[in-house]
Amino acid sequence: MKLKRPPQPLVFQYENVTALCTAVVQLYPCRPWQAALCLYRGRYYLSIGCALGRRQEARRLAGNPGGRCLGPCPVLYAYFEEHGLSLSRDAVTQLGGALHRRNP
């Protein structure tokens, strides 16, 4: 069965940079992920677009003690991105790649 529209992206909230980097490092080896990153009111928000079959994997890898899954809410993420600071349109590849090169 083919969906008429792609599944909505999962949005994760992180309290600090350490929690965000931990999640991105865990997501990096399991690419490709369509992930956007923004900063809004001192918190980092990561939007991960993935197929329905990979949602459980995304929740397991990106959900860590410093972060929480807000669920499939692209409109909320768009609000955070519009009123906050957009940091990356390909966060897992850019940030995860930089962290993996630093820690071989």
PDB file of N, CA and C in Angstrom:
ATOM      1  N   MET A   1       0.839  -1.175   0.000  1.00  0.00           N
ATOM      2  CA  MET A   1       0.000   0.000   0.000  1.00  0.00           C
ATOM      3  C   MET A   1       0.884   1.238   0.000  1.00  0.00           C
ATOM      4  N   LYS A   2       0.615   2.149  -0.886  1.00  0.00           N
ATOM      5  CA  LYS A   2       1.404   3.363  -0.986  1.00  0.00           C
ATOM      6  C   LYS A   2       0.627   4.538  -0.399  1.00  0.00           C
ATOM      7  N   LEU A   3       1.306   5.335   0.412  1.00  0.00           N
ATOM      8  CA  LEU A   3       0.672   6.502   1.028  1.00  0.00           C
ATOM      9  C   LEU A   3       0.534   7.626   0.017  1.00  0.00           C
ATOM     10  N   LYS A   4      -0.538   8.399   0.147  1.00  0.00           N
ATOM     11  CA  LYS A   4      -0.730   9.544  -0.741  1.00  0.00           C
ATOM     12  C   LYS A   4       0.226  10.677  -0.387  1.00  0.00           C
ATOM     13  N   ARG A   5       0.545  10.774   0.880  1.00  0.00           N
ATOM     14  CA  ARG A   5       1.477  11.805   1.357  1.00  0.00           C
ATOM     15  C   ARG A   5       2.571  11.146   2.174  1.00  0.00           C
ATOM     16  N   PRO A   6       3.760  11.739   2.185  1.00  0.00           N
ATOM     17  CA  PRO A   6       4.819  11.148   3.025  1.00  0.00           C
ATOM     18  C   PRO A   6       4.459  11.288   4.507  1.00  0.00           C
ATOM     19  N   PRO A   7       4.974  10.397   5.344  1.00  0.00           N
ATOM     20  CA  PRO A   7       4.684  10.494   6.779  1.00  0.00           C
ATOM     21  C   PRO A   7       5.242  11.791   7.368  1.00  0.00           C
ATOM     22  N   GLN A   8       4.564  12.282   8.376  1.00  0.00           N
ATOM     23  CA  GLN A   8       5.004  13.508   9.025  1.00  0.00           C
ATOM     24  C   GLN A   8       6.290  13.250   9.803  1.00  0.00           C
ATOM     25  N   PRO A   9       7.195  14.248   9.835  1.00  0.00           N
ATOM     26  CA  PRO A   9       8.456  14.050  10.555  1.00  0.00           C
ATOM     27  C   PRO A   9       8.252  14.011  12.072  1.00  0.00           C
ATOM     28  N   LEU A  10       9.119  13.254  12.721  1.00  0.00           N
ATOM     29  CA  LEU A  10       9.138  13.215  14.186  1.00  0.00           C
ATOM     30  C   LEU A  10       9.962  14.394  14.693  1.00  0.00           C
ATOM     31  N   VAL A  11       9.511  15.016  15.757  1.00  0.00           N
ATOM     32  CA  VAL A  11      10.217  16.166  16.325  1.00  0.00           C
ATOM     33  C   VAL A  11      10.716  15.786  17.719  1.00  0.00           C
ATOM     34  N   PHE A  12      11.985  16.084  17.958  1.00  0.00           N
ATOM     35  CA  PHE A  12      12.620  15.814  19.250  1.00  0.00           C
ATOM     36  C   PHE A  12      13.090  17.131  19.855  1.00  0.00           C
ATOM     37  N   GLN A  13      12.988  17.239  21.170  1.00  0.00           N
ATOM     38  CA  GLN A  13      13.419  18.430  21.902  1.00  0.00           C
ATOM     39  C   GLN A  13      14.586  18.052  22.799  1.00  0.00           C
ATOM     40  N   TYR A  14      15.629  18.900  22.789  1.00  0.00           N
ATOM     41  CA  TYR A  14      16.820  18.659  23.616  1.00  0.00           C
ATOM     42  C   TYR A  14      17.084  19.875  24.485  1.00  0.00           C
ATOM     43  N   GLU A  15      17.374  19.610  25.737  1.00  0.00           N
ATOM     44  CA  GLU A  15      17.609  20.672  26.716  1.00  0.00           C
ATOM     45  C   GLU A  15      18.974  21.338  26.554  1.00  0.00           C
ATOM     46  N   ASN A  16      19.965  20.581  26.061  1.00  0.00           N
ATOM     47  CA  ASN A  16      21.312  21.137  25.952  1.00  0.00           C
ATOM     48  C   ASN A  16      22.051  20.526  24.768  1.00  0.00           C
ATOM     49  N   VAL A  17      23.216  21.063  24.484  1.00  0.00           N
ATOM     50  CA  VAL A  17      24.019  20.629  23.338  1.00  0.00           C
ATOM     51  C   VAL A  17      24.515  19.196  23.524  1.00  0.00           C
ATOM     52  N   THR A  18      24.839  18.810  24.732  1.00  0.00           N
ATOM     53  CA  THR A  18      25.342  17.464  24.982  1.00  0.00           C
ATOM     54  C   THR A  18      24.311  16.415  24.581  1.00  0.00           C
ATOM     55  N   ALA A  19      23.070  16.609  24.969  1.00  0.00           N
ATOM     56  CA  ALA A  19      22.005  15.671  24.620  1.00  0.00           C
ATOM     57  C   ALA A  19      21.789  15.635  23.111  1.00  0.00           C
ATOM     58  N   LEU A  20      21.835  16.801  22.473  1.00  0.00           N
ATOM     59  CA  LEU A  20      21.673  16.874  21.019  1.00  0.00           C
ATOM     60  C   LEU A  20      22.796  16.128  20.316  1.00  0.00           C
ATOM     61  N   CYS A  21      24.030  16.384  20.705  1.00  0.00           N
ATOM     62  CA  CYS A  21      25.177  15.728  20.068  1.00  0.00           C
ATOM     63  C   CYS A  21      25.149  14.219  20.283  1.00  0.00           C
ATOM     64  N   THR A  22      24.725  13.766  21.453  1.00  0.00           N
ATOM     65  CA  THR A  22      24.615  12.343  21.714  1.00  0.00           C
ATOM     66  C   THR A  22      23.623  11.700  20.752  1.00  0.00           C
ATOM     67  N   ALA A  23      22.492  12.339  20.545  1.00  0.00           N
ATOM     68  CA  ALA A  23      21.479  11.809  19.635  1.00  0.00           C
ATOM     69  C   ALA A  23      21.981  11.793  18.193  1.00  0.00           C
ATOM     70  N   VAL A  24      22.634  12.854  17.767  1.00  0.00           N
ATOM     71  CA  VAL A  24      23.108  12.938  16.381  1.00  0.00           C
ATOM     72  C   VAL A  24      24.202  11.895  16.127  1.00  0.00           C
ATOM     73  N   VAL A  25      25.076  11.683  17.095  1.00  0.00           N
ATOM     74  CA  VAL A  25      26.125  10.678  16.946  1.00  0.00           C
ATOM     75  C   VAL A  25      25.508   9.281  16.823  1.00  0.00           C
ATOM     76  N   GLN A  26      24.430   9.016  17.547  1.00  0.00           N
ATOM     77  CA  GLN A  26      23.770   7.721  17.449  1.00  0.00           C
ATOM     78  C   GLN A  26      23.020   7.558  16.126  1.00  0.00           C
ATOM     79  N   LEU A  27      22.492   8.651  15.586  1.00  0.00           N
ATOM     80  CA  LEU A  27      21.765   8.598  14.316  1.00  0.00           C
ATOM     81  C   LEU A  27      22.698   8.503  13.107  1.00  0.00           C
ATOM     82  N   TYR A  28      23.886   9.059  13.209  1.00  0.00           N
ATOM     83  CA  TYR A  28      24.795   9.185  12.063  1.00  0.00           C
ATOM     84  C   TYR A  28      25.116   7.863  11.356  1.00  0.00           C
ATOM     85  N   PRO A  29      25.473   6.787  12.055  1.00  0.00           N
ATOM     86  CA  PRO A  29      25.811   5.549  11.348  1.00  0.00           C
ATOM     87  C   PRO A  29      24.629   4.917  10.599  1.00  0.00           C
ATOM     88  N   CYS A  30      23.410   5.261  10.961  1.00  0.00           N
ATOM     89  CA  CYS A  30      22.215   4.658  10.366  1.00  0.00           C
ATOM     90  C   CYS A  30      21.574   5.549   9.302  1.00  0.00           C
ATOM     91  N   ARG A  31      22.374   6.369   8.628  1.00  0.00           N
ATOM     92  CA  ARG A  31      21.849   7.262   7.601  1.00  0.00           C
ATOM     93  C   ARG A  31      21.205   6.472   6.483  1.00  0.00           C
ATOM     94  N   PRO A  32      20.393   7.057   5.652  1.00  0.00           N
ATOM     95  CA  PRO A  32      20.084   8.486   5.533  1.00  0.00           C
ATOM     96  C   PRO A  32      18.877   8.894   6.393  1.00  0.00           C
ATOM     97  N   TRP A  33      18.995  10.039   6.977  1.00  0.00           N
ATOM     98  CA  TRP A  33      17.903  10.678   7.711  1.00  0.00           C
ATOM     99  C   TRP A  33      17.715  12.072   7.123  1.00  0.00           C
ATOM    100  N   GLN A  34      16.506  12.505   6.973  1.00  0.00           N
ATOM    101  CA  GLN A  34      16.226  13.882   6.587  1.00  0.00           C
ATOM    102  C   GLN A  34      15.977  14.625   7.895  1.00  0.00           C
ATOM    103  N   ALA A  35      16.976  15.351   8.354  1.00  0.00           N
ATOM    104  CA  ALA A  35      16.877  15.965   9.676  1.00  0.00           C
ATOM    105  C   ALA A  35      17.192  17.452   9.611  1.00  0.00           C
ATOM    106  N   ALA A  36      16.299  18.253  10.174  1.00  0.00           N
ATOM    107  CA  ALA A  36      16.507  19.694  10.271  1.00  0.00           C
ATOM    108  C   ALA A  36      16.667  20.047  11.748  1.00  0.00           C
ATOM    109  N   LEU A  37      17.446  21.086  12.016  1.00  0.00           N
ATOM    110  CA  LEU A  37      17.752  21.473  13.389  1.00  0.00           C
ATOM    111  C   LEU A  37      17.510  22.963  13.565  1.00  0.00           C
ATOM    112  N   CYS A  38      16.881  23.321  14.692  1.00  0.00           N
ATOM    113  CA  CYS A  38      16.697  24.743  15.005  1.00  0.00           C
ATOM    114  C   CYS A  38      16.824  24.951  16.509  1.00  0.00           C
ATOM    115  N   LEU A  39      17.007  26.209  16.879  1.00  0.00           N
ATOM    116  CA  LEU A  39      17.124  26.625  18.271  1.00  0.00           C
ATOM    117  C   LEU A  39      15.991  27.600  18.558  1.00  0.00           C
ATOM    118  N   TYR A  40      15.207  27.323  19.594  1.00  0.00           N
ATOM    119  CA  TYR A  40      14.088  28.197  19.957  1.00  0.00           C
ATOM    120  C   TYR A  40      14.016  28.288  21.478  1.00  0.00           C
ATOM    121  N   ARG A  41      14.151  29.487  21.993  1.00  0.00           N
ATOM    122  CA  ARG A  41      14.085  29.757  23.436  1.00  0.00           C
ATOM    123  C   ARG A  41      14.998  28.856  24.268  1.00  0.00           C
ATOM    124  N   GLY A  42      16.229  28.696  23.796  1.00  0.00           N
ATOM    125  CA  GLY A  42      17.234  27.960  24.559  1.00  0.00           C
ATOM    126  C   GLY A  42      17.161  26.451  24.450  1.00  0.00           C
ATOM    127  N   ARG A  43      16.261  25.932  23.633  1.00  0.00           N
ATOM    128  CA  ARG A  43      16.155  24.481  23.435  1.00  0.00           C
ATOM    129  C   ARG A  43      16.373  24.161  21.967  1.00  0.00           C
ATOM    130  N   TYR A  44      16.943  22.990  21.737  1.00  0.00           N
ATOM    131  CA  TYR A  44      17.208  22.533  20.377  1.00  0.00           C
ATOM    132  C   TYR A  44      16.086  21.589  19.939  1.00  0.00           C
ATOM    133  N   TYR A  45      15.654  21.759  18.703  1.00  0.00           N
ATOM    134  CA  TYR A  45      14.599  20.924  18.140  1.00  0.00           C
ATOM    135  C   TYR A  45      15.121  20.266  16.870  1.00  0.00           C
ATOM    136  N   LEU A  46      14.983  18.948  16.808  1.00  0.00           N
ATOM    137  CA  LEU A  46      15.442  18.162  15.673  1.00  0.00           C
ATOM    138  C   LEU A  46      14.221  17.509  15.032  1.00  0.00           C
ATOM    139  N   SER A  47      14.016  17.791  13.752  1.00  0.00           N
ATOM    140  CA  SER A  47      12.912  17.218  12.995  1.00  0.00           C
ATOM    141  C   SER A  47      13.490  16.126  12.101  1.00  0.00           C
ATOM    142  N   ILE A  48      13.024  14.890  12.279  1.00  0.00           N
ATOM    143  CA  ILE A  48      13.548  13.758  11.524  1.00  0.00           C
ATOM    144  C   ILE A  48      12.454  13.197  10.626  1.00  0.00           C
ATOM    145  N   GLY A  49      12.667  13.342   9.329  1.00  0.00           N
ATOM    146  CA  GLY A  49      11.751  12.765   8.356  1.00  0.00           C
ATOM    147  C   GLY A  49      12.195  11.354   8.032  1.00  0.00           C
ATOM    148  N   CYS A  50      11.334  10.390   8.274  1.00  0.00           N
ATOM    149  CA  CYS A  50      11.689   8.990   8.012  1.00  0.00           C
ATOM    150  C   CYS A  50      10.440   8.213   7.634  1.00  0.00           C
ATOM    151  N   ALA A  51      10.652   7.078   7.007  1.00  0.00           N
ATOM    152  CA  ALA A  51       9.550   6.198   6.643  1.00  0.00           C
ATOM    153  C   ALA A  51       8.899   5.644   7.901  1.00  0.00           C
ATOM    154  N   LEU A  52       7.659   5.207   7.768  1.00  0.00           N
ATOM    155  CA  LEU A  52       6.945   4.662   8.930  1.00  0.00           C
ATOM    156  C   LEU A  52       7.674   3.476   9.547  1.00  0.00           C
ATOM    157  N   GLY A  53       8.335   2.683   8.734  1.00  0.00           N
ATOM    158  CA  GLY A  53       9.069   1.525   9.232  1.00  0.00           C
ATOM    159  C   GLY A  53      10.309   1.861  10.036  1.00  0.00           C
ATOM    160  N   ARG A  54      10.789   3.096   9.929  1.00  0.00           N
ATOM    161  CA  ARG A  54      12.005   3.495  10.661  1.00  0.00           C
ATOM    162  C   ARG A  54      11.703   4.376  11.876  1.00  0.00           C
ATOM    163  N   ARG A  55      10.447   4.627  12.161  1.00  0.00           N
ATOM    164  CA  ARG A  55      10.104   5.511  13.287  1.00  0.00           C
ATOM    165  C   ARG A  55      10.565   4.959  14.626  1.00  0.00           C
ATOM    166  N   GLN A  56      10.378   3.681  14.834  1.00  0.00           N
ATOM    167  CA  GLN A  56      10.810   3.085  16.104  1.00  0.00           C
ATOM    168  C   GLN A  56      12.317   3.215  16.265  1.00  0.00           C
ATOM    169  N   GLU A  57      13.063   3.000  15.182  1.00  0.00           N
ATOM    170  CA  GLU A  57      14.520   3.154  15.209  1.00  0.00           C
ATOM    171  C   GLU A  57      14.902   4.599  15.513  1.00  0.00           C
ATOM    172  N   ALA A  58      14.200   5.550  14.884  1.00  0.00           N
ATOM    173  CA  ALA A  58      14.479   6.969  15.130  1.00  0.00           C
ATOM    174  C   ALA A  58      14.206   7.329  16.586  1.00  0.00           C
ATOM    175  N   ARG A  59      13.109   6.848  17.133  1.00  0.00           N
ATOM    176  CA  ARG A  59      12.787   7.126  18.548  1.00  0.00           C
ATOM    177  C   ARG A  59      13.840   6.528  19.479  1.00  0.00           C
ATOM    178  N   ARG A  60      14.286   5.319  19.158  1.00  0.00           N
ATOM    179  CA  ARG A  60      15.291   4.652  19.998  1.00  0.00           C
ATOM    180  C   ARG A  60      16.631   5.377  19.949  1.00  0.00           C
ATOM    181  N   LEU A  61      17.049   5.785  18.750  1.00  0.00           N
ATOM    182  CA  LEU A  61      18.361   6.421  18.598  1.00  0.00           C
ATOM    183  C   LEU A  61      18.371   7.879  19.059  1.00  0.00           C
ATOM    184  N   ALA A  62      17.328   8.617  18.747  1.00  0.00           N
ATOM    185  CA  ALA A  62      17.314  10.054  19.065  1.00  0.00           C
ATOM    186  C   ALA A  62      16.783  10.353  20.451  1.00  0.00           C
ATOM    187  N   GLY A  63      16.024   9.440  21.018  1.00  0.00           N
ATOM    188  CA  GLY A  63      15.495   9.669  22.364  1.00  0.00           C
ATOM    189  C   GLY A  63      16.519   9.235  23.401  1.00  0.00           C
ATOM    190  N   ASN A  64      17.090  10.177  24.087  1.00  0.00           N
ATOM    191  CA  ASN A  64      18.068   9.879  25.134  1.00  0.00           C
ATOM    192  C   ASN A  64      17.657  10.610  26.407  1.00  0.00           C
ATOM    193  N   PRO A  65      18.366  10.425  27.509  1.00  0.00           N
ATOM    194  CA  PRO A  65      17.941  11.061  28.762  1.00  0.00           C
ATOM    195  C   PRO A  65      17.780  12.582  28.696  1.00  0.00           C
ATOM    196  N   GLY A  66      18.517  13.256  27.822  1.00  0.00           N
ATOM    197  CA  GLY A  66      18.401  14.714  27.741  1.00  0.00           C
ATOM    198  C   GLY A  66      17.425  15.199  26.698  1.00  0.00           C
ATOM    199  N   GLY A  67      16.763  14.294  26.001  1.00  0.00           N
ATOM    200  CA  GLY A  67      15.837  14.689  24.951  1.00  0.00           C
ATOM    201  C   GLY A  67      14.531  13.940  25.061  1.00  0.00           C
ATOM    202  N   ARG A  68      13.525  14.464  24.372  1.00  0.00           N
ATOM    203  CA  ARG A  68      12.248  13.765  24.380  1.00  0.00           C
ATOM    204  C   ARG A  68      11.567  13.906  23.025  1.00  0.00           C
ATOM    205  N   CYS A  69      10.827  12.894  22.676  1.00  0.00           N
ATOM    206  CA  CYS A  69      10.108  12.882  21.404  1.00  0.00           C
ATOM    207  C   CYS A  69       8.788  13.621  21.585  1.00  0.00           C
ATOM    208  N   LEU A  70       8.561  14.632  20.765  1.00  0.00           N
ATOM    209  CA  LEU A  70       7.299  15.373  20.806  1.00  0.00           C
ATOM    210  C   LEU A  70       6.270  14.749  19.880  1.00  0.00           C
ATOM    211  N   GLY A  71       6.722  13.811  19.039  1.00  0.00           N
ATOM    212  CA  GLY A  71       5.816  13.126  18.125  1.00  0.00           C
ATOM    213  C   GLY A  71       5.853  13.720  16.732  1.00  0.00           C
ATOM    214  N   PRO A  72       4.922  13.293  15.873  1.00  0.00           N
ATOM    215  CA  PRO A  72       4.873  13.814  14.512  1.00  0.00           C
ATOM    216  C   PRO A  72       4.146  15.165  14.495  1.00  0.00           C
ATOM    217  N   CYS A  73       4.907  16.241  14.551  1.00  0.00           N
ATOM    218  CA  CYS A  73       4.291  17.569  14.613  1.00  0.00           C
ATOM    219  C   CYS A  73       5.082  18.572  13.760  1.00  0.00           C
ATOM    220  N   PRO A  74       4.927  18.508  12.425  1.00  0.00           N
ATOM    221  CA  PRO A  74       5.676  19.401  11.551  1.00  0.00           C
ATOM    222  C   PRO A  74       5.277  20.873  11.683  1.00  0.00           C
ATOM    223  N   VAL A  75       4.026  21.142  12.037  1.00  0.00           N
ATOM    224  CA  VAL A  75       3.588  22.530  12.170  1.00  0.00           C
ATOM    225  C   VAL A  75       4.256  23.176  13.382  1.00  0.00           C
ATOM    226  N   LEU A  76       4.354  22.443  14.474  1.00  0.00           N
ATOM    227  CA  LEU A  76       5.037  22.947  15.665  1.00  0.00           C
ATOM    228  C   LEU A  76       6.505  23.229  15.358  1.00  0.00           C
ATOM    229  N   TYR A  77       7.167  22.297  14.652  1.00  0.00           N
ATOM    230  CA  TYR A  77       8.567  22.511  14.288  1.00  0.00           C
ATOM    231  C   TYR A  77       8.702  23.729  13.375  1.00  0.00           C
ATOM    232  N   ALA A  78       7.797  23.894  12.424  1.00  0.00           N
ATOM    233  CA  ALA A  78       7.849  25.047  11.519  1.00  0.00           C
ATOM    234  C   ALA A  78       7.737  26.357  12.312  1.00  0.00           C
ATOM    235  N   TYR A  79       6.907  26.354  13.352  1.00  0.00           N
ATOM    236  CA  TYR A  79       6.784  27.535  14.208  1.00  0.00           C
ATOM    237  C   TYR A  79       8.109  27.816  14.920  1.00  0.00           C
ATOM    238  N   PHE A  80       8.706  26.774  15.501  1.00  0.00           N
ATOM    239  CA  PHE A  80       9.987  26.952  16.188  1.00  0.00           C
ATOM    240  C   PHE A  80      11.054  27.461  15.231  1.00  0.00           C
ATOM    241  N   GLU A  81      11.081  26.910  14.028  1.00  0.00           N
ATOM    242  CA  GLU A  81      12.085  27.317  13.041  1.00  0.00           C
ATOM    243  C   GLU A  81      11.866  28.750  12.574  1.00  0.00           C
ATOM    244  N   GLU A  82      10.609  29.137  12.404  1.00  0.00           N
ATOM    245  CA  GLU A  82      10.292  30.488  11.934  1.00  0.00           C
ATOM    246  C   GLU A  82      10.593  31.549  12.991  1.00  0.00           C
ATOM    247  N   HIS A  83      10.272  31.251  14.237  1.00  0.00           N
ATOM    248  CA  HIS A  83      10.446  32.235  15.311  1.00  0.00           C
ATOM    249  C   HIS A  83      11.770  32.090  16.059  1.00  0.00           C
ATOM    250  N   GLY A  84      12.486  31.031  15.777  1.00  0.00           N
ATOM    251  CA  GLY A  84      13.788  30.810  16.402  1.00  0.00           C
ATOM    252  C   GLY A  84      14.905  30.983  15.389  1.00  0.00           C
ATOM    253  N   LEU A  85      15.912  30.158  15.510  1.00  0.00           N
ATOM    254  CA  LEU A  85      17.087  30.218  14.643  1.00  0.00           C
ATOM    255  C   LEU A  85      17.270  28.867  13.963  1.00  0.00           C
ATOM    256  N   SER A  86      17.159  28.863  12.636  1.00  0.00           N
ATOM    257  CA  SER A  86      17.373  27.638  11.875  1.00  0.00           C
ATOM    258  C   SER A  86      18.877  27.378  11.807  1.00  0.00           C
ATOM    259  N   LEU A  87      19.317  26.208  12.261  1.00  0.00           N
ATOM    260  CA  LEU A  87      20.744  25.900  12.326  1.00  0.00           C
ATOM    261  C   LEU A  87      21.217  25.016  11.183  1.00  0.00           C
ATOM    262  N   SER A  88      20.368  24.092  10.721  1.00  0.00           N
ATOM    263  CA  SER A  88      20.798  23.177   9.666  1.00  0.00           C
ATOM    264  C   SER A  88      19.597  22.523   9.008  1.00  0.00           C
ATOM    265  N   ARG A  89      19.723  22.252   7.721  1.00  0.00           N
ATOM    266  CA  ARG A  89      18.705  21.506   6.982  1.00  0.00           C
ATOM    267  C   ARG A  89      19.106  20.032   6.833  1.00  0.00           C
ATOM    268  N   ASP A  90      20.341  19.708   7.162  1.00  0.00           N
ATOM    269  CA  ASP A  90      20.842  18.333   7.091  1.00  0.00           C
ATOM    270  C   ASP A  90      21.707  18.076   8.323  1.00  0.00           C
ATOM    271  N   ALA A  91      21.086  18.116   9.475  1.00  0.00           N
ATOM    272  CA  ALA A  91      21.800  18.106  10.749  1.00  0.00           C
ATOM    273  C   ALA A  91      22.574  16.823  11.013  1.00  0.00           C
ATOM    274  N   VAL A  92      21.993  15.683  10.694  1.00  0.00           N
ATOM    275  CA  VAL A  92      22.662  14.421  11.006  1.00  0.00           C
ATOM    276  C   VAL A  92      23.946  14.278  10.201  1.00  0.00           C
ATOM    277  N   THR A  93      23.896  14.609   8.919  1.00  0.00           N
ATOM    278  CA  THR A  93      25.090  14.499   8.085  1.00  0.00           C
ATOM    279  C   THR A  93      26.140  15.541   8.465  1.00  0.00           C
ATOM    280  N   GLN A  94      25.728  16.780   8.672  1.00  0.00           N
ATOM    281  CA  GLN A  94      26.689  17.842   8.972  1.00  0.00           C
ATOM    282  C   GLN A  94      27.275  17.717  10.374  1.00  0.00           C
ATOM    283  N   LEU A  95      26.434  17.694  11.372  1.00  0.00           N
ATOM    284  CA  LEU A  95      26.914  17.644  12.754  1.00  0.00           C
ATOM    285  C   LEU A  95      27.471  16.267  13.099  1.00  0.00           C
ATOM    286  N   GLY A  96      26.763  15.221  12.705  1.00  0.00           N
ATOM    287  CA  GLY A  96      27.238  13.865  12.972  1.00  0.00           C
ATOM    288  C   GLY A  96      28.551  13.576  12.275  1.00  0.00           C
ATOM    289  N   GLY A  97      28.693  14.051  11.027  1.00  0.00           N
ATOM    290  CA  GLY A  97      29.941  13.865  10.290  1.00  0.00           C
ATOM    291  C   GLY A  97      31.101  14.565  10.965  1.00  0.00           C
ATOM    292  N   ALA A  98      30.867  15.783  11.445  1.00  0.00           N
ATOM    293  CA  ALA A  98      31.922  16.526  12.140  1.00  0.00           C
ATOM    294  C   ALA A  98      32.324  15.821  13.434  1.00  0.00           C
ATOM    295  N   LEU A  99      31.359  15.301  14.159  1.00  0.00           N
ATOM    296  CA  LEU A  99      31.667  14.615  15.416  1.00  0.00           C
ATOM    297  C   LEU A  99      32.358  13.280  15.178  1.00  0.00           C
ATOM    298  N   HIS A 100      32.010  12.574  14.133  1.00  0.00           N
ATOM    299  CA  HIS A 100      32.658  11.291  13.826  1.00  0.00           C
ATOM    300  C   HIS A 100      34.096  11.493  13.348  1.00  0.00           C
ATOM    301  N   ARG A 101      34.350  12.547  12.601  1.00  0.00           N
ATOM    302  CA  ARG A 101      35.725  12.831  12.163  1.00  0.00           C
ATOM    303  C   ARG A 101      36.594  13.206  13.360  1.00  0.00           C
ATOM    304  N   ARG A 102      36.000  13.833  14.344  1.00  0.00           N
ATOM    305  CA  ARG A 102      36.747  14.255  15.531  1.00  0.00           C
ATOM    306  C   ARG A 102      37.063  13.069  16.436  1.00  0.00           C
ATOM    307  N   ASN A 103      36.135  12.098  16.521  1.00  0.00           N
ATOM    308  CA  ASN A 103      36.327  10.921  17.385  1.00  0.00           C
ATOM    309  C   ASN A 103      36.320   9.663  16.531  1.00  0.00           C
ATOM    310  N   PRO A 104      37.470   9.271  15.971  1.00  0.00           N
ATOM    311  CA  PRO A 104      37.481   8.096  15.099  1.00  0.00           C
ATOM    312  C   PRO A 104      37.216   6.801  15.833  1.00  0.00           C
TER     313      PRO A 104
END
